[in-house]
Protein backbone atom coordinates (compact mmCIF):
# COMPACT_ATOMS: atom_id res chain seq x y z
CA MET A 1 -31.08 -61.23 59.98
CA SER A 2 -32.60 -57.77 59.85
CA LEU A 3 -31.58 -57.15 63.47
CA LEU A 4 -27.94 -57.92 62.64
CA PHE A 5 -27.90 -55.48 59.74
CA CYS A 6 -29.59 -52.85 61.90
CA LEU A 7 -26.83 -53.24 64.49
CA MET A 8 -24.19 -52.94 61.76
CA LEU A 9 -25.92 -49.87 60.34
CA ALA A 10 -25.97 -48.30 63.83
CA ALA A 11 -22.22 -48.96 64.20
CA PHE A 12 -21.47 -47.30 60.87
CA THR A 13 -23.71 -44.37 61.78
CA LEU A 14 -21.75 -43.81 65.00
CA LEU A 15 -18.52 -44.03 63.00
CA CYS A 16 -19.75 -41.39 60.55
CA ILE A 17 -20.81 -39.08 63.42
CA TYR A 18 -17.33 -39.47 64.98
CA ILE A 19 -15.63 -38.63 61.67
CA ILE A 20 -17.88 -35.59 61.09
CA ILE A 21 -17.23 -34.22 64.60
CA PHE A 22 -13.49 -34.73 64.18
CA TRP A 23 -13.61 -33.09 60.74
CA ASN A 24 -15.46 -30.01 62.02
CA LYS A 25 -12.69 -29.08 64.43
CA ASN A 26 -11.44 -26.79 61.65
CA ARG A 27 -7.89 -27.78 62.22
CA LEU A 28 -5.60 -28.68 59.37
CA THR A 29 -4.09 -31.62 61.24
CA SER A 30 -7.52 -32.93 62.30
CA ARG A 31 -8.80 -32.97 58.74
CA PHE A 32 -5.59 -34.51 57.52
CA ARG A 33 -5.96 -37.27 60.13
CA VAL A 34 -9.60 -37.83 59.12
CA LYS A 35 -8.59 -38.20 55.49
CA LEU A 36 -5.88 -40.72 56.35
CA THR A 37 -8.22 -42.64 58.68
CA VAL A 38 -11.02 -42.78 56.10
CA LEU A 39 -8.53 -43.86 53.42
CA PHE A 40 -7.25 -46.63 55.68
CA LEU A 41 -10.86 -47.67 56.44
CA LEU A 42 -11.67 -47.90 52.75
CA LEU A 43 -8.53 -49.92 52.04
CA VAL A 44 -9.45 -52.36 54.80
CA LEU A 45 -13.25 -52.57 54.47
CA LEU A 46 -13.68 -52.52 50.69
CA PRO A 47 -12.22 -56.03 50.31
CA VAL A 48 -13.29 -57.29 53.77
CA ILE A 49 -17.05 -56.55 53.64
CA PRO A 50 -17.90 -58.29 50.33
CA LEU A 51 -15.52 -61.17 51.06
CA THR A 52 -16.98 -61.69 54.55
CA PHE A 53 -20.61 -61.64 53.44
CA LEU A 54 -19.89 -63.80 50.41
CA THR A 55 -18.22 -66.34 52.68
CA ALA A 56 -21.18 -66.17 55.10
CA HIS A 57 -23.60 -66.76 52.23
CA LEU A 58 -21.61 -69.74 50.96
CA LEU A 59 -21.36 -71.25 54.45
CA THR A 60 -25.08 -70.75 55.08
CA THR A 61 -25.94 -72.36 51.75
CA SER A 62 -23.55 -75.23 52.47
CA ALA A 63 -25.12 -75.72 55.91
CA LYS A 64 -28.44 -76.58 54.27
CA TYR A 65 -26.81 -79.63 52.75
CA LEU A 66 -25.20 -80.91 55.96
CA THR A 67 -28.07 -83.41 56.26
CA ILE A 68 -30.02 -85.15 53.48
CA PRO A 69 -33.71 -85.92 54.06
CA GLY A 70 -34.36 -89.64 54.67
CA ILE A 71 -30.86 -90.48 55.93
CA SER A 72 -31.90 -90.20 59.58
CA ASP A 73 -34.94 -92.48 59.02
CA ALA A 74 -32.78 -95.03 57.21
CA ILE A 75 -30.26 -95.09 60.06
CA GLU A 76 -33.02 -95.45 62.67
CA THR A 77 -34.60 -98.26 60.61
CA SER A 78 -31.21 -100.02 60.49
CA ILE A 79 -30.86 -99.73 64.25
CA GLU A 80 -34.38 -101.08 64.79
CA THR A 81 -33.78 -103.96 62.35
CA LEU A 82 -30.52 -104.84 64.11
CA LYS A 83 -32.33 -104.73 67.45
CA GLN A 84 -35.03 -107.10 66.23
CA GLN A 85 -32.44 -109.49 64.83
CA THR A 86 -30.63 -109.63 68.16
CA GLN A 87 -33.94 -110.18 69.99
CA GLU A 88 -35.05 -112.94 67.62
CA LYS A 89 -32.97 -115.58 69.40
CA GLY A 90 -34.53 -114.83 72.78
CA LYS A 91 -38.04 -114.51 71.40
CA SER A 92 -37.74 -117.83 69.51
CA PHE A 93 -36.48 -119.62 72.61
CA LEU A 94 -39.36 -118.22 74.70
CA ASP A 95 -41.94 -119.22 72.09
CA LYS A 96 -40.62 -122.79 72.02
CA ASN A 97 -40.12 -123.07 75.79
CA PRO A 98 -42.82 -121.07 77.59
CA ASP A 99 -42.48 -123.17 80.77
CA PHE A 100 -39.03 -122.49 82.20
CA ALA A 101 -39.52 -125.26 84.79
CA LYS A 102 -39.17 -127.83 81.99
CA VAL A 103 -35.99 -126.31 80.56
CA SER A 104 -32.72 -128.12 81.22
CA VAL A 105 -29.13 -126.97 81.32
CA ALA A 106 -28.40 -129.05 78.23
CA LEU A 107 -31.14 -127.20 76.39
CA LEU A 108 -29.57 -123.87 77.37
CA ASP A 109 -26.22 -125.07 76.06
CA GLN A 110 -27.92 -126.26 72.88
CA TYR A 111 -29.46 -122.82 72.21
CA ASP A 112 -26.32 -121.04 73.47
CA ILE A 113 -28.34 -119.31 76.22
CA ASP A 114 -26.38 -118.12 79.23
CA PHE A 115 -29.22 -117.63 81.68
CA ILE A 116 -33.04 -117.78 82.10
CA GLY A 117 -35.16 -116.68 85.02
CA THR A 118 -38.58 -115.67 86.28
CA TYR A 119 -38.96 -112.60 88.51
CA GLN A 120 -41.68 -110.67 90.25
CA LEU A 121 -41.77 -106.90 90.80
CA LYS A 122 -42.65 -105.94 94.34
CA GLU A 123 -42.71 -102.20 94.93
CA ASP A 124 -39.01 -101.14 94.94
CA SER A 125 -37.50 -104.64 94.77
CA ILE A 126 -37.39 -107.70 92.53
CA ARG A 127 -38.22 -111.20 93.81
CA THR A 128 -36.62 -114.21 92.20
CA LEU A 129 -39.09 -117.01 91.34
CA PHE A 130 -36.90 -119.24 89.16
CA THR A 131 -33.37 -119.17 87.66
CA LEU A 132 -31.30 -121.49 85.52
CA LYS A 133 -27.93 -120.91 83.93
CA SER A 134 -25.84 -122.79 81.41
CA THR A 135 -22.55 -124.42 82.13
CA LYS A 136 -20.81 -121.52 80.32
CA ASN A 137 -22.21 -118.87 82.67
CA LYS A 138 -20.40 -118.65 85.98
CA VAL A 139 -22.23 -115.59 87.43
CA LEU A 140 -25.88 -115.13 88.34
CA ILE A 141 -27.75 -112.20 86.87
CA ASP A 142 -27.36 -108.92 88.73
CA LYS A 143 -30.74 -107.82 90.13
CA ASN A 144 -29.62 -104.20 90.43
CA ARG A 145 -28.65 -104.07 86.78
CA LEU A 146 -31.90 -105.82 85.91
CA SER A 147 -33.97 -103.29 87.87
CA GLN A 148 -32.22 -100.37 86.13
CA ASN A 149 -32.68 -101.71 82.59
CA ILE A 150 -36.13 -103.31 82.80
CA SER A 151 -38.98 -101.26 81.36
CA PRO A 152 -42.44 -102.28 80.10
CA ALA A 153 -41.89 -99.99 77.08
CA GLN A 154 -39.05 -102.11 75.71
CA ASN A 155 -38.26 -105.81 75.87
CA SER A 156 -34.47 -106.00 75.67
CA HIS A 157 -31.19 -104.37 76.71
CA LEU A 158 -27.84 -104.81 74.96
CA SER A 159 -24.73 -103.96 76.98
CA GLU A 160 -21.47 -102.65 75.52
CA ASP A 161 -19.75 -106.01 76.04
CA GLY A 162 -22.40 -107.78 73.84
CA LEU A 163 -24.61 -109.25 76.61
CA LEU A 164 -28.30 -109.05 75.59
CA THR A 165 -31.01 -109.34 78.21
CA TYR A 166 -34.40 -110.23 76.72
CA TYR A 167 -37.44 -110.11 78.97
CA SER A 168 -41.18 -110.66 78.54
CA PHE A 169 -43.93 -109.68 80.99
CA ILE A 170 -46.50 -112.38 81.81
CA ASN A 171 -48.60 -109.85 83.72
CA ASP A 172 -48.03 -106.48 85.39
CA THR A 173 -45.60 -107.85 87.99
CA ILE A 174 -44.17 -111.16 86.73
CA PHE A 175 -41.69 -111.27 83.83
CA LYS A 176 -39.31 -113.79 82.28
CA VAL A 177 -35.65 -113.05 81.46
CA ILE A 178 -33.42 -114.66 78.85
CA GLU A 179 -29.76 -113.57 78.67
CA TYR A 180 -27.28 -114.53 75.95
CA THR A 181 -24.17 -113.11 74.17
CA VAL A 182 -24.52 -111.40 70.78
CA ASN A 183 -22.07 -112.17 67.95
CA ASP A 184 -19.03 -109.79 67.71
CA GLU A 185 -19.79 -108.93 64.08
CA VAL A 186 -23.27 -107.83 65.06
CA MET A 187 -21.87 -105.72 67.89
CA ASP A 188 -19.39 -104.04 65.49
CA ALA A 189 -22.21 -103.27 63.07
CA LYS A 190 -24.31 -101.86 65.95
CA ARG A 191 -21.45 -99.63 67.07
CA GLU A 192 -20.85 -98.27 63.54
CA ILE A 193 -24.54 -97.62 62.95
CA THR A 194 -24.91 -95.98 66.39
CA HIS A 195 -21.83 -93.78 65.74
CA ALA A 196 -23.20 -92.74 62.34
CA HIS A 197 -26.55 -91.95 63.94
CA ASN A 198 -24.94 -89.80 66.64
CA LEU A 199 -22.81 -87.97 64.04
CA TYR A 200 -25.83 -87.37 61.87
CA ASN A 201 -27.78 -86.00 64.84
CA ALA A 202 -24.87 -83.67 65.67
CA LEU A 203 -24.81 -82.38 62.08
CA ALA A 204 -28.55 -81.85 62.21
CA LEU A 205 -28.15 -79.87 65.45
CA ILE A 206 -25.40 -77.72 63.89
CA LYS A 207 -27.58 -77.13 60.86
CA ARG A 208 -30.52 -76.01 63.01
CA SER A 209 -28.23 -73.70 65.04
CA ILE A 210 -26.77 -72.16 61.89
CA LEU A 211 -30.05 -71.67 60.08
CA GLN A 212 -32.30 -70.78 63.01
CA LYS A 213 -29.89 -68.69 65.11
CA ASN A 214 -28.03 -67.02 62.17
CA LEU A 215 -24.66 -67.94 63.65
CA ILE A 216 -22.70 -67.42 60.43
CA TRP A 217 -24.30 -64.04 59.72
CA SER A 218 -23.74 -62.99 63.33
CA LEU A 219 -20.10 -63.96 63.00
CA ALA A 220 -19.86 -62.07 59.68
CA VAL A 221 -21.29 -58.89 61.23
CA LEU A 222 -19.00 -59.29 64.25
CA ILE A 223 -15.97 -59.63 61.94
CA VAL A 224 -16.96 -56.53 59.94
CA VAL A 225 -17.58 -54.44 63.07
CA SER A 226 -14.34 -55.68 64.66
CA MET A 227 -12.35 -54.93 61.51
CA THR A 228 -13.94 -51.48 61.37
CA ALA A 229 -13.00 -50.72 64.97
CA LEU A 230 -9.49 -52.08 64.41
CA ALA A 231 -9.16 -50.08 61.19
CA VAL A 232 -10.24 -46.90 63.01
CA LEU A 233 -7.70 -47.45 65.80
CA VAL A 234 -4.87 -48.37 63.44
CA GLY A 235 -5.80 -45.58 61.01
CA LYS A 236 -5.90 -43.05 63.82
CA LYS A 237 -2.53 -44.21 65.13
CA LEU A 238 -1.05 -44.23 61.63
CA SER A 239 -2.43 -40.81 60.75
CA GLN A 240 -1.18 -39.43 64.06
CA SER A 241 2.31 -40.81 63.42
CA ILE A 242 2.28 -39.08 60.02
CA SER A 243 0.53 -35.81 60.88
CA GLU A 244 2.31 -35.03 64.16
CA PRO A 245 5.84 -34.84 62.65
CA ILE A 246 4.45 -32.76 59.77
CA GLN A 247 2.68 -30.42 62.20
CA GLN A 248 5.83 -30.10 64.29
CA LEU A 249 7.78 -29.38 61.11
CA VAL A 250 5.23 -26.69 60.12
CA GLU A 251 5.50 -25.12 63.59
CA GLY A 252 9.28 -25.18 63.24
CA MET A 253 9.01 -23.44 59.86
CA ASN A 254 6.74 -20.81 61.41
CA ARG A 255 9.33 -20.20 64.12
CA VAL A 256 12.03 -19.85 61.46
CA ALA A 257 9.79 -17.43 59.57
CA ALA A 258 9.40 -15.48 62.83
CA ASP A 259 13.23 -15.34 63.09
CA ASP A 260 13.41 -17.83 65.98
CA LEU A 261 16.30 -20.20 65.27
CA ASN A 262 17.02 -21.21 68.86
CA GLN A 263 14.31 -23.86 69.30
CA PRO A 264 14.86 -27.06 67.27
CA VAL A 265 11.97 -29.32 66.29
CA THR A 266 11.52 -32.25 68.69
CA THR A 267 9.69 -35.42 67.71
CA SER A 268 9.25 -39.04 68.75
CA ALA A 269 8.94 -40.15 65.11
CA LYS A 270 11.28 -42.72 63.63
CA HIS A 271 12.80 -43.67 60.30
CA GLU A 272 11.90 -41.33 57.39
CA PHE A 273 10.17 -38.68 59.51
CA ARG A 274 13.03 -38.68 62.01
CA PHE A 275 15.46 -38.17 59.11
CA MET A 276 13.30 -35.31 57.77
CA ILE A 277 13.11 -33.59 61.20
CA ASP A 278 16.84 -34.05 61.81
CA THR A 279 17.60 -32.62 58.36
CA PHE A 280 15.40 -29.61 59.12
CA ASN A 281 17.14 -29.10 62.49
CA HIS A 282 20.53 -29.25 60.75
CA MET A 283 19.27 -26.71 58.25
CA MET A 284 18.17 -24.46 61.14
CA GLU A 285 21.58 -24.79 62.76
CA ASP A 286 23.33 -24.02 59.46
CA LEU A 287 21.01 -21.07 58.93
CA LYS A 288 21.72 -19.86 62.45
CA GLN A 289 25.47 -20.08 61.88
CA THR A 290 25.16 -18.44 58.46
CA ARG A 291 23.12 -15.62 59.92
CA HIS A 292 25.67 -15.21 62.71
CA LYS A 293 28.47 -15.08 60.16
CA LEU A 294 26.48 -12.61 58.07
CA ILE A 295 25.94 -10.38 61.10
CA GLN A 296 29.61 -10.64 61.91
CA ALA A 297 30.47 -9.80 58.31
CA GLU A 298 28.12 -6.79 58.37
CA ARG A 299 29.64 -5.62 61.64
CA LEU A 300 33.12 -6.19 60.27
CA ALA A 301 32.27 -4.23 57.12
CA ALA A 302 30.93 -1.40 59.29
CA TRP A 303 34.06 -1.46 61.46
CA GLN A 304 36.22 -1.49 58.36
CA GLN A 305 34.42 1.58 57.05
CA VAL A 306 34.94 3.30 60.42
CA ALA A 307 38.60 2.21 60.44
CA ARG A 308 39.07 3.55 56.92
CA MET A 309 37.57 6.92 57.89
CA ILE A 310 39.60 7.13 61.14
CA SER A 311 42.82 6.17 59.35
CA HIS A 312 42.15 8.77 56.66
CA GLU A 313 41.37 11.53 59.19
CA ILE A 314 44.37 10.72 61.38
CA LYS A 315 46.76 10.66 58.44
CA ASN A 316 45.32 13.94 57.09
CA SER A 317 45.90 15.58 60.47
CA LEU A 318 49.29 14.01 61.17
CA THR A 319 50.87 15.09 57.88
CA PRO A 320 50.81 18.91 58.52
CA ILE A 321 51.55 18.35 62.22
CA SER A 322 54.63 16.29 61.36
CA ILE A 323 55.84 18.92 58.87
CA ALA A 324 55.29 21.76 61.40
CA LEU A 325 57.04 19.77 64.14
CA ARG A 326 60.02 19.11 61.90
CA ARG A 327 60.35 22.84 61.14
CA ILE A 328 60.13 23.75 64.84
CA ARG A 329 62.78 21.20 65.78
CA ASN A 330 65.02 22.48 63.00
CA LYS A 331 64.61 26.05 64.27
CA THR A 332 65.14 25.17 67.92
CA ALA A 333 68.16 23.04 67.15
CA LYS A 334 70.23 26.21 66.80
CA LYS A 335 72.18 27.30 69.83
CA GLU A 336 70.35 30.54 70.27
CA PHE A 337 67.08 28.61 70.69
CA ALA A 338 68.52 25.75 72.70
CA ASP A 339 66.20 24.89 75.58
CA LEU A 340 66.24 21.43 77.19
CA SER A 341 62.62 21.49 78.35
CA LEU A 342 61.45 22.55 74.92
CA GLN A 343 63.43 19.78 73.27
CA ASN A 344 61.87 17.23 75.66
CA SER A 345 58.40 18.52 74.88
CA LEU A 346 59.05 18.33 71.19
CA GLY A 347 60.34 14.77 71.65
CA ASN A 348 57.15 13.79 73.48
CA ILE A 349 55.07 15.28 70.68
CA ASP A 350 57.09 13.31 68.16
CA GLN A 351 56.47 10.06 70.08
CA GLU A 352 52.72 10.71 70.20
CA ILE A 353 52.71 11.48 66.49
CA HIS A 354 54.54 8.18 65.90
CA SER A 355 51.99 6.36 68.08
CA LEU A 356 49.11 7.94 66.19
CA SER A 357 50.78 7.03 62.91
CA LYS A 358 51.10 3.41 64.06
CA MET A 359 47.44 3.45 65.07
CA ALA A 360 46.45 4.82 61.67
CA THR A 361 48.49 2.04 60.03
CA GLN A 362 46.62 -0.59 62.07
CA PHE A 363 43.29 0.96 61.10
CA SER A 364 44.39 0.88 57.49
CA GLU A 365 45.49 -2.76 57.72
CA PHE A 366 42.17 -3.73 59.30
CA ALA A 367 40.21 -1.93 56.60
CA LYS A 368 42.28 -3.24 53.67
CA LEU A 369 43.12 -6.80 54.73
CA PRO A 370 43.46 -8.67 51.39
CA ALA A 371 42.15 -12.12 50.59
CA PRO A 372 44.71 -14.81 51.50
CA ASP A 373 47.06 -15.96 48.75
CA LYS A 374 47.17 -19.65 49.65
CA SER A 375 49.98 -22.02 48.80
CA PRO A 376 51.51 -25.09 50.53
CA VAL A 377 53.58 -23.88 53.49
CA ASN A 378 55.47 -25.54 56.32
CA LEU A 379 53.83 -24.37 59.53
CA ASN A 380 56.79 -25.27 61.74
CA ASP A 381 59.15 -23.14 59.63
CA ILE A 382 56.87 -20.10 59.96
CA ILE A 383 56.59 -20.58 63.74
CA THR A 384 60.38 -20.94 64.10
CA SER A 385 60.96 -17.75 62.10
CA VAL A 386 58.44 -15.71 64.14
CA VAL A 387 59.77 -17.02 67.47
CA THR A 388 63.38 -16.19 66.47
CA LEU A 389 62.31 -12.66 65.54
CA ASN A 390 60.49 -12.10 68.87
CA LYS A 391 63.23 -13.56 71.06
CA ALA A 392 65.35 -10.45 70.39
CA ASN A 393 62.78 -8.28 72.21
CA ALA A 394 61.64 -10.88 74.76
CA GLY A 395 63.92 -9.80 77.62
CA ASN A 396 63.39 -12.17 80.57
CA ILE A 397 60.45 -13.87 78.86
CA THR A 398 61.25 -17.39 77.64
CA LEU A 399 59.80 -18.64 74.35
CA ILE A 400 59.60 -22.46 74.04
CA THR A 401 58.47 -24.43 71.00
CA HIS A 402 57.15 -28.04 70.87
CA LEU A 403 56.74 -28.71 67.16
CA ASP A 404 55.58 -31.98 65.59
CA ASN A 405 57.94 -32.67 62.69
CA THR A 406 55.55 -35.18 61.11
CA LEU A 407 52.96 -32.54 60.26
CA PRO A 408 52.04 -32.19 56.59
CA SER A 409 52.10 -28.84 54.83
CA VAL A 410 49.02 -26.63 54.88
CA ARG A 411 47.54 -24.40 52.19
CA ALA A 412 47.73 -20.90 53.63
CA ASP A 413 49.00 -17.37 53.13
CA LYS A 414 52.37 -17.47 54.92
CA TYR A 415 52.53 -13.68 55.38
CA GLN A 416 49.11 -13.58 57.03
CA LEU A 417 49.99 -16.59 59.23
CA ARG A 418 53.17 -14.76 60.32
CA GLN A 419 50.98 -11.77 61.18
CA VAL A 420 48.66 -14.01 63.24
CA LEU A 421 51.49 -15.68 65.16
CA ASN A 422 53.34 -12.41 65.70
CA ASN A 423 50.17 -10.75 67.06
CA LEU A 424 49.43 -13.60 69.47
CA ILE A 425 53.02 -13.86 70.75
CA GLN A 426 53.23 -10.10 71.29
CA ASN A 427 49.88 -10.15 73.11
CA SER A 428 51.21 -12.89 75.38
CA MET A 429 54.41 -10.93 76.04
CA GLU A 430 52.39 -7.79 76.89
CA ALA A 431 50.18 -9.84 79.25
CA MET A 432 53.25 -10.64 81.40
CA SER A 433 55.33 -8.36 83.51
CA ASP A 434 59.04 -8.70 82.94
CA GLN A 435 59.30 -12.49 83.05
CA GLY A 436 57.35 -15.63 82.21
CA THR A 437 57.13 -18.43 79.69
CA ILE A 438 55.37 -18.66 76.34
CA SER A 439 54.95 -22.16 74.83
CA ILE A 440 54.06 -22.79 71.20
CA HIS A 441 52.81 -26.31 70.34
CA THR A 442 51.86 -27.93 67.03
CA SER A 443 50.09 -31.30 66.72
CA PRO A 444 47.51 -33.15 64.60
CA ALA A 445 44.10 -32.07 65.87
CA SER A 446 42.29 -34.92 64.13
CA SER A 447 43.46 -37.81 61.97
CA SER A 448 40.03 -38.17 60.30
CA ASN A 449 39.76 -34.69 58.76
CA HIS A 450 43.50 -33.83 58.52
CA THR A 451 43.38 -30.84 60.88
CA ILE A 452 46.46 -29.24 62.45
CA ASN A 453 46.36 -27.55 65.85
CA ILE A 454 48.53 -24.64 67.05
CA LYS A 455 48.55 -23.67 70.73
CA ILE A 456 50.14 -20.51 72.13
CA GLN A 457 50.15 -20.66 75.91
CA ASP A 458 51.40 -18.11 78.44
CA ASN A 459 51.35 -17.76 82.21
CA GLY A 460 50.48 -14.06 82.22
CA CYS A 461 47.68 -12.08 83.89
CA GLY A 462 44.84 -13.95 82.13
CA LEU A 463 41.34 -12.72 81.29
CA ASP A 464 38.08 -12.53 83.20
CA PRO A 465 34.92 -14.08 81.58
CA GLU A 466 33.69 -10.77 80.13
CA GLN A 467 37.05 -10.01 78.52
CA LYS A 468 37.23 -13.57 77.18
CA ASP A 469 33.78 -13.25 75.51
CA ASN A 470 34.69 -9.95 73.79
CA ILE A 471 38.36 -10.56 73.03
CA PHE A 472 37.90 -10.90 69.24
CA LYS A 473 35.55 -7.95 68.79
CA PRO A 474 36.97 -4.93 66.92
CA TYR A 475 38.08 -2.02 69.13
CA PHE A 476 37.82 -4.08 72.32
CA THR A 477 41.11 -3.85 74.23
CA THR A 478 42.47 -4.40 77.73
CA LYS A 479 45.49 -2.15 77.12
CA GLU A 480 45.68 1.52 77.88
CA ARG A 481 46.94 2.53 74.44
CA GLY A 482 45.62 -0.42 72.36
CA THR A 483 43.36 -0.06 69.35
CA GLY A 484 41.51 -3.36 69.85
CA LEU A 485 42.22 -4.41 66.26
CA GLY A 486 45.05 -6.93 66.67
CA LEU A 487 42.93 -9.93 67.70
CA ALA A 488 40.11 -8.84 65.39
CA ILE A 489 42.58 -9.06 62.51
CA VAL A 490 43.76 -12.46 63.79
CA LYS A 491 40.16 -13.73 63.90
CA ARG A 492 39.45 -12.48 60.41
CA ILE A 493 42.59 -14.09 58.95
CA ILE A 494 41.73 -17.46 60.58
CA ASP A 495 38.15 -17.22 59.27
CA GLU A 496 39.47 -16.47 55.79
CA HIS A 497 41.52 -19.67 56.03
CA GLN A 498 38.35 -21.68 57.02
CA GLY A 499 39.92 -22.34 60.40
CA THR A 500 38.80 -21.83 64.00
CA ILE A 501 40.39 -20.01 66.92
CA ARG A 502 39.48 -20.48 70.58
CA VAL A 503 40.69 -18.89 73.78
CA GLU A 504 40.92 -20.42 77.25
CA SER A 505 41.94 -18.20 80.10
CA GLU A 506 41.86 -17.90 83.86
CA LYS A 507 42.51 -14.70 85.73
CA ASN A 508 46.08 -14.43 87.07
CA LYS A 509 46.96 -17.90 85.73
CA GLY A 510 47.43 -17.45 82.02
CA THR A 511 45.83 -17.68 78.59
CA THR A 512 45.89 -20.26 75.79
CA PHE A 513 44.98 -19.51 72.16
CA SER A 514 44.14 -22.63 70.14
CA ILE A 515 44.01 -22.54 66.31
CA ASP A 516 42.77 -25.38 64.07
CA LEU A 517 43.78 -25.23 60.41
């Protein structure tokens, strides 16, 4: 018993050493795992240890009462008594008829004896001296069976089929044999008593094994040690499944704190932890988009300030220049100052002043773009109006519309939408030479979120990848005299309407602007 508890104490000592080493790693996750593992161990072992040892104690105590003193002796006495009763018939016959030579077959039938005989032992064989059988017995006694069962230590043998062979030694070599059949009731009683004796002996053997070899206590210790090992493995796995997602989430938070929003948290966790990690990744993506929008808004605010300053400076300079130019043209309009080359030069100056004035107006519009005044509008009507207006200046360029008449109305600022469409159509016209086709399509972009799509497609000169990436940035232009504000204004108006605008283009093949509202 003491050896078993020493082994169990050694196992718990090793477990404590393992926990201490794991704890001293000075890592937050390691200590968190140790706490979870120890907690799981306590939850498992606190009920298991007392219950196991209590059960072992009860079983050991019960084992002491598997056998009752005296029962074995009583059973053996019953077997011996039954044996003597079965031998009594043969012994009585032998006492009354010691000389087998005088026994007749009728006498055998009278005593219900199957067979009598006299034999002599000679080394490894048996010699028959005399035999006599009753009329009921058809088979002589088997000498081989007789040689196997005969023993000077006992004087009878009862076979399983109820045939009893009783023998008595006259001297060391000569013995007499009497064989007869035992009653069936006696045989049944013998079988029951023998079975009870065997069962009792088996119980006694189990009792000795339990009490002497400490089988129950050994099993109890084995169960406790096995449950401890299983609890450690399960606790470690459970704590790892809890701590790893948390650690990955902490690392993700550290990356966010370090302004790294490009690396989402990856995990093999499932269920609640997977939902938590996915929620955090969505938050990172939203934060990334918000930061991008904030940067864009800051840039836009800076560009608006620049545009405001440029517009102010240009207008301040253009006003006196325009007045001076008007006076000069009025002076030179008289015949005495008439000079064709001078008039041409003054005309060119006037055109440049007009161009600068237009540029200043665009700067002003970019800097002072108001918030949209939204109301339900019919998108197809706005597109038709803008296309009709631009057809007058289209020349050889063909404008085609493919409008879905089933579209619902949208909440938008119709004046700003006209500005968007007008800008995009004019851009497409400027991207062509003197001829080409511009197609304007409307269609439902998605039936689930009620989104409408507008596509403006041309077959003009197209854009290269660098131009495509920068097309919506303020002051980026591919035109010689462009301000780079037209598409920036378009992008801002679409953003203000919570819409999206995309561009697809291939050099020398054409460009498609796609708007979702």
